[in-house]
Amino acid sequence: QGPLAKNSDKGTSLPFVFLVGNHSSGKSSFINYVLGRSVQTAGVAPTDDCFTVIAPGPKDVDQDGPALVGDPDIGFEGLRQFGPTLIHHTQLKVRDGIRNQDFMIIDSPGMIDSPVNYGGMVSNNSKDRSSTSSAIMDRGYDFQGVVRWMAERADVVLLFFDPDKPGTTGETLNILLHSLGGMDHKLLIVLNKADQFKKIHDFARAYGSLCWNLSKVIPRKDLPRIFTMCLPVASTTDGEAKSATTTEALDRHALADLHQSRDDVLAEVMKAPKRRIDNVITNLHDSVHLLLMHAVVAEDVRARYSKRQWENRMQEVSSLVLGVGLSALGIHFDVPLQFTGGVVAATVIGVGGMHWFNSSKLKDAEEQLTSIEELSASFQRTHPQEVSEADEFYSAIWARIRDPLRLSLWRTGLSDFPAVSKSDVAKLQNILDKEIPRLRRLASPSHHGSKHM
């Protein structure tokens, strides 16, 4: 039981872009725009309750969830952990003649508030069921966990909002807080359908509302860039594409800004294959840091337990040797048999009692060593420089592995926990210090200061 998720090193067969957001925020329309053909059904009302994987292929083929998850090559078998309901709410669409020939796009069900506990909003019947079971049974599966699973493996993540619900959907904010945290490097926040605003103060009100709601779940002063954009609709007779609303709503310069933002988002989407390389290296860097800290702290805890265990054994062995020695002297000097027998009996009882006492104390010591307080003390002892410098990166790594480490130590038991050799730690450190930088240089473009120019 280590700090890495099962099959975390196994990616999908192709890079992919993951879209998540409010219902009717334009996700399906944007997908059709990227693909260059109509694949997803778009509409104002919720039109799909499935996670839809759209992949390039030689001909149009649709497959259901069990076939998608059961495919040994495409890379979605990890979704089994979320249960049959989720499996039956996934589907694969293979399409010919689409523009994304070297990556996939995954559409997600639109998010809608419902009478369950989201963002502190408690339903009227929340006393009758826990918030966790409510959140899961709201869709029949752990939607938050599925989004996290998808986002961790995605190369680009798009979070869509629309003018009608600019960040006010509690489920969307809950997903941003719990499922998309730590993914800022590949997350793009999109305010779509911005051409629907007919007055500047309407836009300001919606944009301000979105920023206000995002500030509740993004714990920093500087908010990420919000891409305000719109999609073109069918071309007119003179060949110029119009926006979804009349040209009277926004002037030409404002529409040009929206179109430029759309082009920026599209450019990021098309970079998904290149991002796959960067994301794989980033994931390796992250995984090695997790493994290294897990190994170093676990070895510190195991070594302290082993020291106490060795001290107890030495006490027991010393008492046993002393008793045997006294018995041997008694026999050698013809001491009365009663005395020798008493020494033997006292030795057996004393060593047995000492073993029982030491075993109970070792059990207490194991519980103490695996407590959150002692594990944190081990982290501080094994990473003194990082702690003294208040290194936020290492603090974040520790926060991620602390609970899995405690569970791992508890399940295995400190007496059976394998030792971590110095050579193993050195190999992990070598990956961080030499191998990952070498991969970064190979993947990054040449620039002034790079060693591979």
Protein backbone atom coordinates (compact mmCIF):
# COMPACT_ATOMS: atom_id res chain seq x y z
CA GLN A 1 0.00 0.00 0.00
CA GLY A 2 2.00 2.95 -1.27
CA PRO A 3 1.22 6.60 -1.97
CA LEU A 4 0.41 6.05 -5.65
CA ALA A 5 -3.01 5.04 -6.92
CA LYS A 6 -3.43 1.66 -8.55
CA ASN A 7 -2.44 1.76 -12.24
CA SER A 8 -1.49 5.42 -11.87
CA ASP A 9 1.38 4.83 -14.27
CA LYS A 10 -0.93 3.58 -17.01
CA GLY A 11 -2.28 6.32 -19.27
CA THR A 12 -4.78 6.36 -22.09
CA SER A 13 -3.86 5.30 -25.60
CA LEU A 14 -4.17 8.89 -26.86
CA PRO A 15 -3.87 12.28 -25.16
CA PHE A 16 -7.27 13.77 -24.33
CA VAL A 17 -9.05 17.00 -23.51
CA PHE A 18 -11.62 16.88 -20.70
CA LEU A 19 -14.62 19.25 -20.59
CA VAL A 20 -16.66 19.86 -17.46
CA GLY A 21 -19.12 22.59 -16.51
CA ASN A 22 -22.69 23.73 -16.03
CA HIS A 23 -25.43 22.33 -18.22
CA SER A 24 -26.17 24.45 -21.31
CA SER A 25 -22.81 26.19 -20.98
CA GLY A 26 -21.87 25.28 -24.56
CA LYS A 27 -19.61 22.27 -23.98
CA SER A 28 -21.23 20.17 -26.71
CA SER A 29 -21.26 23.07 -29.17
CA PHE A 30 -17.59 23.74 -28.51
CA ILE A 31 -16.79 20.05 -29.07
CA ASN A 32 -18.60 20.11 -32.41
CA TYR A 33 -16.69 23.27 -33.31
CA VAL A 34 -13.35 21.64 -32.49
CA LEU A 35 -14.22 18.43 -34.33
CA GLY A 36 -15.45 20.23 -37.41
CA ARG A 37 -18.65 18.15 -37.52
CA SER A 38 -21.75 17.57 -35.42
CA VAL A 39 -21.11 14.74 -32.95
CA GLN A 40 -22.69 15.89 -29.69
CA THR A 41 -26.28 17.02 -29.28
CA ALA A 42 -26.49 20.63 -28.10
CA GLY A 43 -29.42 22.29 -26.38
CA VAL A 44 -30.57 24.59 -23.60
CA ALA A 45 -31.86 21.72 -21.45
CA PRO A 46 -29.54 18.94 -20.25
CA THR A 47 -29.07 16.67 -23.27
CA ASP A 48 -26.72 13.94 -22.02
CA ASP A 49 -26.06 12.20 -18.71
CA CYS A 50 -23.00 10.25 -19.86
CA PHE A 51 -19.26 10.67 -19.95
CA THR A 52 -18.65 10.55 -23.70
CA VAL A 53 -15.23 9.67 -25.09
CA ILE A 54 -14.83 10.91 -28.69
CA ALA A 55 -11.89 9.35 -30.51
CA PRO A 56 -10.64 9.51 -34.11
CA GLY A 57 -11.01 6.41 -36.25
CA PRO A 58 -11.42 5.06 -39.79
CA LYS A 59 -15.22 4.92 -39.55
CA ASP A 60 -18.09 5.99 -37.31
CA VAL A 61 -18.65 3.48 -34.49
CA ASP A 62 -20.48 3.78 -31.16
CA GLN A 63 -19.74 1.59 -28.13
CA ASP A 64 -21.40 1.41 -24.74
CA GLY A 65 -19.74 1.79 -21.36
CA PRO A 66 -18.93 -1.89 -20.66
CA ALA A 67 -17.19 -2.16 -24.03
CA LEU A 68 -15.24 1.06 -23.40
CA VAL A 69 -14.12 0.08 -19.90
CA GLY A 70 -13.39 -3.48 -21.01
CA ASP A 71 -11.14 -2.40 -23.89
CA PRO A 72 -7.60 -3.37 -22.78
CA ASP A 73 -5.90 -0.82 -25.04
CA ILE A 74 -7.77 2.49 -24.81
CA GLY A 75 -6.96 2.97 -21.11
CA PHE A 76 -10.25 3.48 -19.22
CA GLU A 77 -10.43 0.18 -17.32
CA GLY A 78 -9.64 2.12 -14.12
CA LEU A 79 -13.22 3.43 -14.15
CA ARG A 80 -14.37 0.03 -12.86
CA GLN A 81 -13.63 1.17 -9.32
CA PHE A 82 -16.61 3.58 -9.48
CA GLY A 83 -19.15 0.81 -9.96
CA PRO A 84 -21.60 -0.41 -12.59
CA THR A 85 -23.77 2.71 -12.57
CA LEU A 86 -20.88 4.82 -13.80
CA ILE A 87 -19.89 2.19 -16.36
CA HIS A 88 -23.40 2.27 -17.83
CA HIS A 89 -23.17 6.07 -17.98
CA THR A 90 -20.11 6.15 -20.21
CA GLN A 91 -19.88 5.72 -23.96
CA LEU A 92 -17.37 5.79 -26.80
CA LYS A 93 -17.89 7.55 -30.11
CA VAL A 94 -15.31 6.83 -32.80
CA ARG A 95 -15.62 9.33 -35.64
CA ASP A 96 -14.04 9.67 -39.05
CA GLY A 97 -13.22 13.02 -40.62
CA ILE A 98 -12.74 14.99 -37.43
CA ARG A 99 -9.98 17.52 -36.86
CA ASN A 100 -8.52 15.91 -33.74
CA GLN A 101 -6.69 13.02 -35.36
CA ASP A 102 -4.10 12.64 -32.61
CA PHE A 103 -6.11 13.16 -29.41
CA MET A 104 -9.49 12.39 -27.82
CA ILE A 105 -12.13 14.66 -26.32
CA ILE A 106 -14.22 13.68 -23.30
CA ASP A 107 -17.54 15.37 -22.60
CA SER A 108 -19.09 15.16 -19.13
CA PRO A 109 -22.69 15.46 -17.86
CA GLY A 110 -23.72 19.05 -17.24
CA MET A 111 -23.77 19.99 -13.59
CA ILE A 112 -27.05 21.00 -11.99
CA ASP A 113 -27.77 21.90 -8.39
CA SER A 114 -30.02 19.46 -6.59
CA PRO A 115 -31.31 19.20 -3.01
CA VAL A 116 -28.12 17.70 -1.54
CA ASN A 117 -25.21 19.10 0.40
CA TYR A 118 -23.05 21.21 -1.92
CA GLY A 119 -20.82 24.00 -0.78
CA GLY A 120 -22.48 24.22 2.60
CA MET A 121 -26.04 24.19 1.24
CA VAL A 122 -27.78 21.42 3.14
CA SER A 123 -30.98 19.81 1.95
CA ASN A 124 -34.09 19.60 4.07
CA ASN A 125 -33.70 15.85 4.52
CA SER A 126 -29.96 15.92 5.19
CA LYS A 127 -30.56 14.76 8.77
CA ASP A 128 -31.75 11.43 7.42
CA ARG A 129 -28.61 10.68 5.43
CA SER A 130 -24.94 11.62 5.47
CA SER A 131 -23.57 14.22 3.09
CA THR A 132 -21.23 11.66 1.53
CA SER A 133 -23.94 9.18 0.64
CA SER A 134 -26.14 12.03 -0.56
CA ALA A 135 -23.47 13.29 -2.94
CA ILE A 136 -22.89 9.81 -4.32
CA MET A 137 -26.50 8.75 -4.66
CA ASP A 138 -27.41 12.05 -6.28
CA ARG A 139 -26.13 10.51 -9.54
CA GLY A 140 -25.78 6.90 -8.47
CA TYR A 141 -21.97 7.05 -8.45
CA ASP A 142 -19.16 9.20 -7.10
CA PHE A 143 -19.30 12.00 -9.67
CA GLN A 144 -16.69 14.04 -7.86
CA GLY A 145 -14.30 11.08 -7.82
CA VAL A 146 -14.85 10.34 -11.52
CA VAL A 147 -14.11 13.95 -12.46
CA ARG A 148 -10.94 13.78 -10.37
CA TRP A 149 -9.90 10.53 -12.09
CA MET A 150 -10.49 12.02 -15.53
CA ALA A 151 -8.83 15.34 -14.78
CA GLU A 152 -5.69 13.71 -13.35
CA ARG A 153 -5.16 11.85 -16.64
CA ALA A 154 -6.29 14.63 -18.98
CA ASP A 155 -3.80 16.81 -20.81
CA VAL A 156 -6.09 19.85 -20.98
CA VAL A 157 -9.10 20.50 -18.73
CA LEU A 158 -11.76 23.06 -19.70
CA LEU A 159 -14.21 24.30 -17.06
CA PHE A 160 -17.22 25.96 -18.72
CA PHE A 161 -19.54 28.61 -17.31
CA ASP A 162 -22.30 30.53 -19.06
CA PRO A 163 -23.95 33.94 -18.56
CA ASP A 164 -27.08 32.48 -16.94
CA LYS A 165 -25.13 30.63 -14.21
CA PRO A 166 -21.78 32.41 -13.83
CA GLY A 167 -20.36 30.29 -11.04
CA THR A 168 -23.52 30.06 -8.98
CA THR A 169 -24.01 26.31 -9.45
CA GLY A 170 -22.89 24.76 -6.17
CA GLU A 171 -21.90 21.45 -7.72
CA THR A 172 -19.56 23.21 -10.16
CA LEU A 173 -17.79 25.07 -7.36
CA ASN A 174 -17.61 21.84 -5.35
CA ILE A 175 -15.95 20.11 -8.30
CA LEU A 176 -13.51 23.00 -8.73
CA LEU A 177 -12.55 22.82 -5.06
CA HIS A 178 -12.31 19.04 -4.58
CA SER A 179 -11.76 17.49 -8.01
CA LEU A 180 -9.71 20.07 -9.91
CA GLY A 181 -7.49 21.30 -7.10
CA GLY A 182 -3.80 21.26 -7.91
CA MET A 183 -4.37 21.19 -11.68
CA ASP A 184 -3.92 24.87 -12.44
CA HIS A 185 -1.18 24.10 -14.98
CA LYS A 186 -3.67 22.47 -17.35
CA LEU A 187 -7.00 24.03 -16.30
CA LEU A 188 -8.68 26.67 -18.46
CA ILE A 189 -11.72 28.51 -17.10
CA VAL A 190 -14.11 29.54 -19.88
CA LEU A 191 -17.05 31.98 -19.73
CA ASN A 192 -18.85 30.94 -22.90
CA LYS A 193 -21.70 32.58 -24.83
CA ALA A 194 -20.38 36.04 -23.94
CA ASP A 195 -21.99 37.39 -27.12
CA GLN A 196 -25.38 37.11 -25.42
CA PHE A 197 -24.71 40.26 -23.39
CA LYS A 198 -26.51 43.23 -24.92
CA LYS A 199 -25.27 45.80 -22.40
CA ILE A 200 -21.86 46.28 -20.86
CA HIS A 201 -23.21 46.34 -17.31
CA ASP A 202 -24.80 42.90 -17.89
CA PHE A 203 -21.39 41.55 -18.80
CA ALA A 204 -19.77 43.28 -15.82
CA ARG A 205 -22.38 41.84 -13.46
CA ALA A 206 -21.94 38.27 -14.77
CA TYR A 207 -18.15 38.49 -14.89
CA GLY A 208 -18.02 39.94 -11.38
CA SER A 209 -20.37 37.24 -10.10
CA LEU A 210 -18.15 34.55 -11.59
CA CYS A 211 -15.01 36.07 -10.05
CA TRP A 212 -16.74 36.39 -6.68
CA ASN A 213 -17.84 32.76 -6.67
CA LEU A 214 -14.44 31.53 -7.86
CA SER A 215 -12.75 33.46 -5.06
CA LYS A 216 -14.67 31.31 -2.56
CA VAL A 217 -12.92 28.14 -3.73
CA ILE A 218 -9.59 29.44 -5.07
CA PRO A 219 -7.54 30.34 -1.97
CA ARG A 220 -5.35 33.10 -3.39
CA LYS A 221 -5.62 36.76 -4.30
CA ASP A 222 -4.87 36.38 -8.01
CA LEU A 223 -7.57 34.55 -9.92
CA PRO A 224 -6.60 32.59 -13.04
CA ARG A 225 -7.41 33.98 -16.46
CA ILE A 226 -11.03 33.61 -17.50
CA PHE A 227 -11.44 33.11 -21.24
CA THR A 228 -14.54 35.05 -22.31
CA MET A 229 -15.56 33.77 -25.72
CA CYS A 230 -18.37 32.84 -28.06
CA LEU A 231 -18.82 30.35 -30.85
CA PRO A 232 -19.66 31.17 -34.47
CA VAL A 233 -22.80 29.75 -36.07
CA ALA A 234 -23.59 28.95 -39.67
CA SER A 235 -21.95 31.22 -42.22
CA THR A 236 -24.01 33.80 -44.04
CA THR A 237 -24.34 34.02 -47.81
CA ASP A 238 -21.33 36.30 -48.06
CA GLY A 239 -19.19 33.76 -46.19
CA GLU A 240 -18.78 35.68 -42.93
CA ALA A 241 -19.52 33.79 -39.72
CA LYS A 242 -21.88 35.43 -37.29
CA SER A 243 -22.15 34.93 -33.57
CA ALA A 244 -25.06 33.26 -31.89
CA THR A 245 -26.86 36.56 -31.33
CA THR A 246 -27.46 39.64 -33.44
CA THR A 247 -24.54 41.88 -34.28
CA GLU A 248 -26.37 44.69 -32.52
CA ALA A 249 -25.60 43.08 -29.16
CA LEU A 250 -21.85 43.78 -29.31
CA ASP A 251 -19.78 46.03 -31.51
CA ARG A 252 -17.16 44.69 -33.91
CA HIS A 253 -14.22 45.26 -31.57
CA ALA A 254 -15.89 43.42 -28.67
CA LEU A 255 -16.72 40.47 -30.90
CA ALA A 256 -13.14 40.43 -32.14
CA ASP A 257 -11.93 40.08 -28.54
CA LEU A 258 -14.33 37.18 -27.95
CA HIS A 259 -13.19 35.48 -31.14
CA GLN A 260 -9.55 35.94 -30.16
CA SER A 261 -10.22 34.30 -26.78
CA ARG A 262 -11.95 31.42 -28.56
CA ASP A 263 -8.93 31.01 -30.82
CA ASP A 264 -6.66 31.01 -27.76
CA VAL A 265 -8.71 28.23 -26.16
CA LEU A 266 -8.73 26.28 -29.41
CA ALA A 267 -4.96 26.62 -29.67
CA GLU A 268 -4.55 25.18 -26.15
CA VAL A 269 -6.85 22.28 -27.04
CA MET A 270 -4.81 21.50 -30.14
CA LYS A 271 -1.66 21.41 -27.99
CA ALA A 272 -2.95 18.35 -26.12
CA PRO A 273 -0.51 15.90 -27.80
CA LYS A 274 2.46 18.13 -26.92
CA ARG A 275 1.12 18.60 -23.41
CA ARG A 276 0.96 14.82 -22.99
CA ILE A 277 4.77 14.69 -22.99
CA ASP A 278 5.02 17.49 -20.44
CA ASN A 279 2.28 15.99 -18.29
CA VAL A 280 3.91 12.54 -18.27
CA ILE A 281 7.18 14.07 -17.07
CA THR A 282 5.32 16.16 -14.50
CA ASN A 283 3.47 13.08 -13.28
CA LEU A 284 6.77 11.19 -12.99
CA HIS A 285 8.29 14.06 -11.02
CA ASP A 286 5.26 14.15 -8.73
CA SER A 287 5.18 10.37 -8.26
CA VAL A 288 8.89 10.12 -7.41
CA HIS A 289 8.54 12.89 -4.82
CA LEU A 290 5.62 11.03 -3.26
CA LEU A 291 7.50 7.73 -3.23
CA LEU A 292 10.68 9.27 -1.86
CA MET A 293 8.99 11.05 1.03
CA HIS A 294 6.85 7.99 1.73
CA ALA A 295 9.97 5.79 1.85
CA VAL A 296 12.08 8.14 3.98
CA VAL A 297 9.41 8.83 6.61
CA ALA A 298 8.30 5.19 6.71
CA GLU A 299 11.90 4.04 7.24
CA ASP A 300 12.33 6.53 10.07
CA VAL A 301 9.22 5.20 11.81
CA ARG A 302 10.18 1.57 11.18
CA ALA A 303 13.74 2.14 12.46
CA ARG A 304 12.49 3.70 15.70
CA TYR A 305 10.12 0.81 16.26
CA SER A 306 12.86 -1.70 15.41
CA LYS A 307 15.17 -0.06 17.96
CA ARG A 308 12.59 -0.47 20.72
CA GLN A 309 11.94 -4.03 19.62
CA TRP A 310 15.67 -4.81 19.72
CA GLU A 311 16.05 -3.26 23.18
CA ASN A 312 13.19 -5.42 24.48
CA ARG A 313 14.70 -8.56 23.02
CA MET A 314 18.07 -7.74 24.55
CA GLN A 315 16.37 -7.39 27.95
CA GLU A 316 14.66 -10.75 27.54
CA VAL A 317 17.82 -12.47 26.31
CA SER A 318 19.90 -10.94 29.11
CA SER A 319 17.42 -12.14 31.74
CA LEU A 320 17.37 -15.59 30.19
CA VAL A 321 21.19 -15.79 30.08
CA LEU A 322 21.40 -14.61 33.68
CA GLY A 323 18.93 -17.26 34.81
CA VAL A 324 20.64 -20.03 32.87
CA GLY A 325 24.02 -18.91 34.21
CA LEU A 326 22.82 -18.99 37.81
CA SER A 327 21.30 -22.42 37.30
CA ALA A 328 24.55 -23.70 35.78
CA LEU A 329 26.56 -22.34 38.72
CA GLY A 330 24.19 -23.98 41.16
CA ILE A 331 24.63 -27.34 39.48
CA HIS A 332 28.41 -26.88 39.27
CA PHE A 333 28.80 -26.08 42.96
CA ASP A 334 26.29 -28.72 44.11
CA VAL A 335 23.86 -26.12 45.40
CA PRO A 336 20.68 -27.73 46.76
CA LEU A 337 18.28 -28.76 43.99
CA GLN A 338 15.50 -26.63 45.46
CA PHE A 339 17.54 -23.48 44.89
CA THR A 340 18.46 -24.44 41.31
CA GLY A 341 14.85 -25.35 40.51
CA GLY A 342 13.68 -22.08 41.99
CA VAL A 343 16.12 -20.15 39.82
CA VAL A 344 14.92 -21.99 36.71
CA ALA A 345 11.26 -21.39 37.58
CA ALA A 346 11.91 -17.73 38.38
CA THR A 347 13.77 -17.33 35.07
CA VAL A 348 10.96 -18.85 33.04
CA ILE A 349 8.27 -16.83 34.78
CA GLY A 350 10.36 -13.64 34.71
CA VAL A 351 11.27 -13.90 31.03
CA GLY A 352 7.68 -14.84 30.12
CA GLY A 353 6.30 -11.93 32.09
CA MET A 354 8.86 -9.58 30.62
CA HIS A 355 7.97 -10.77 27.11
CA TRP A 356 4.27 -10.17 27.76
CA PHE A 357 4.97 -6.73 29.24
CA ASN A 358 7.30 -5.77 26.39
CA SER A 359 4.78 -6.98 23.80
CA SER A 360 2.05 -4.80 25.28
CA LYS A 361 4.42 -1.84 25.45
CA LEU A 362 5.46 -2.45 21.84
CA LYS A 363 1.82 -2.42 20.81
CA ASP A 364 1.35 0.90 22.56
CA ALA A 365 4.53 2.19 20.95
CA GLU A 366 3.28 1.14 17.51
CA GLU A 367 0.04 3.01 18.00
CA GLN A 368 1.98 6.05 19.17
CA LEU A 369 4.50 5.94 16.31
CA THR A 370 1.71 5.71 13.71
CA SER A 371 -0.30 8.59 15.15
CA ILE A 372 -0.61 11.78 13.14
CA GLU A 373 1.47 13.68 15.67
CA GLU A 374 4.38 11.22 15.62
CA LEU A 375 4.27 10.88 11.84
CA SER A 376 4.46 14.67 11.54
CA ALA A 377 7.41 14.61 13.94
CA SER A 378 9.10 12.01 11.71
CA PHE A 379 8.51 14.24 8.69
CA GLN A 380 10.10 17.18 10.50
CA ARG A 381 13.01 15.02 11.62
CA THR A 382 13.72 13.64 8.12
CA HIS A 383 13.20 16.96 6.30
CA PRO A 384 14.69 19.58 8.66
CA GLN A 385 15.88 21.97 5.96
CA GLU A 386 12.57 22.02 4.10
CA VAL A 387 10.68 22.55 7.38
CA SER A 388 12.99 25.35 8.52
CA GLU A 389 12.59 27.08 5.15
CA ALA A 390 8.79 26.62 5.26
CA ASP A 391 8.91 24.93 1.86
CA GLU A 392 5.29 24.89 0.66
CA PHE A 393 6.00 22.24 -1.98
CA TYR A 394 7.18 19.68 0.56
CA SER A 395 4.36 20.63 2.92
CA ALA A 396 1.87 19.90 0.14
CA ILE A 397 3.55 16.56 -0.63
CA TRP A 398 3.42 15.62 3.05
CA ALA A 399 -0.26 16.54 3.28
CA ARG A 400 -0.94 14.14 0.38
CA ILE A 401 0.97 11.13 1.70
CA ARG A 402 0.32 11.45 5.44
CA ASP A 403 -2.96 9.56 5.58
CA PRO A 404 -1.98 6.88 2.99
CA LEU A 405 1.31 6.36 4.87
CA ARG A 406 -0.49 5.91 8.16
CA LEU A 407 -2.88 3.42 6.58
CA SER A 408 0.01 1.53 4.99
CA LEU A 409 1.91 1.26 8.28
CA TRP A 410 -1.23 0.20 10.12
CA ARG A 411 -2.18 -2.49 7.60
CA THR A 412 1.29 -4.01 7.31
CA GLY A 413 2.38 -3.59 10.90
CA LEU A 414 5.70 -2.06 11.89
CA SER A 415 7.18 -5.44 12.74
CA ASP A 416 6.54 -6.69 9.19
CA PHE A 417 7.11 -3.43 7.33
CA PRO A 418 10.02 -3.86 4.86
CA ALA A 419 13.15 -1.82 5.40
CA VAL A 420 14.10 0.83 2.87
CA SER A 421 17.76 0.67 1.92
CA LYS A 422 19.95 3.71 1.36
CA SER A 423 20.54 2.55 -2.22
CA ASP A 424 16.79 2.64 -2.92
CA VAL A 425 16.57 6.20 -1.61
CA ALA A 426 19.63 7.14 -3.66
CA LYS A 427 18.05 5.74 -6.84
CA LEU A 428 14.90 7.80 -6.31
CA GLN A 429 16.97 10.89 -5.59
CA ASN A 430 18.97 10.27 -8.77
CA ILE A 431 15.75 10.23 -10.80
CA LEU A 432 14.82 13.63 -9.38
CA ASP A 433 18.27 15.17 -9.72
CA LYS A 434 19.37 13.80 -13.10
CA GLU A 435 16.84 11.75 -15.05
CA ILE A 436 13.85 14.10 -14.88
CA PRO A 437 15.90 17.21 -15.79
CA ARG A 438 17.32 15.26 -18.75
CA LEU A 439 13.78 14.43 -19.90
CA ARG A 440 12.74 18.06 -19.47
CA ARG A 441 15.59 19.19 -21.70
CA LEU A 442 14.64 16.67 -24.37
CA ALA A 443 10.99 17.74 -24.30
CA SER A 444 11.43 21.49 -24.03
CA PRO A 445 12.21 23.76 -26.99
CA SER A 446 15.69 25.17 -27.33
CA HIS A 447 16.16 28.55 -25.71
CA HIS A 448 18.94 30.77 -24.46
CA GLY A 449 20.43 29.08 -21.44
CA SER A 450 19.35 25.54 -22.35
CA LYS A 451 22.10 22.93 -22.39
CA HIS A 452 20.97 21.16 -25.56
CA MET A 453 21.19 24.13 -27.92
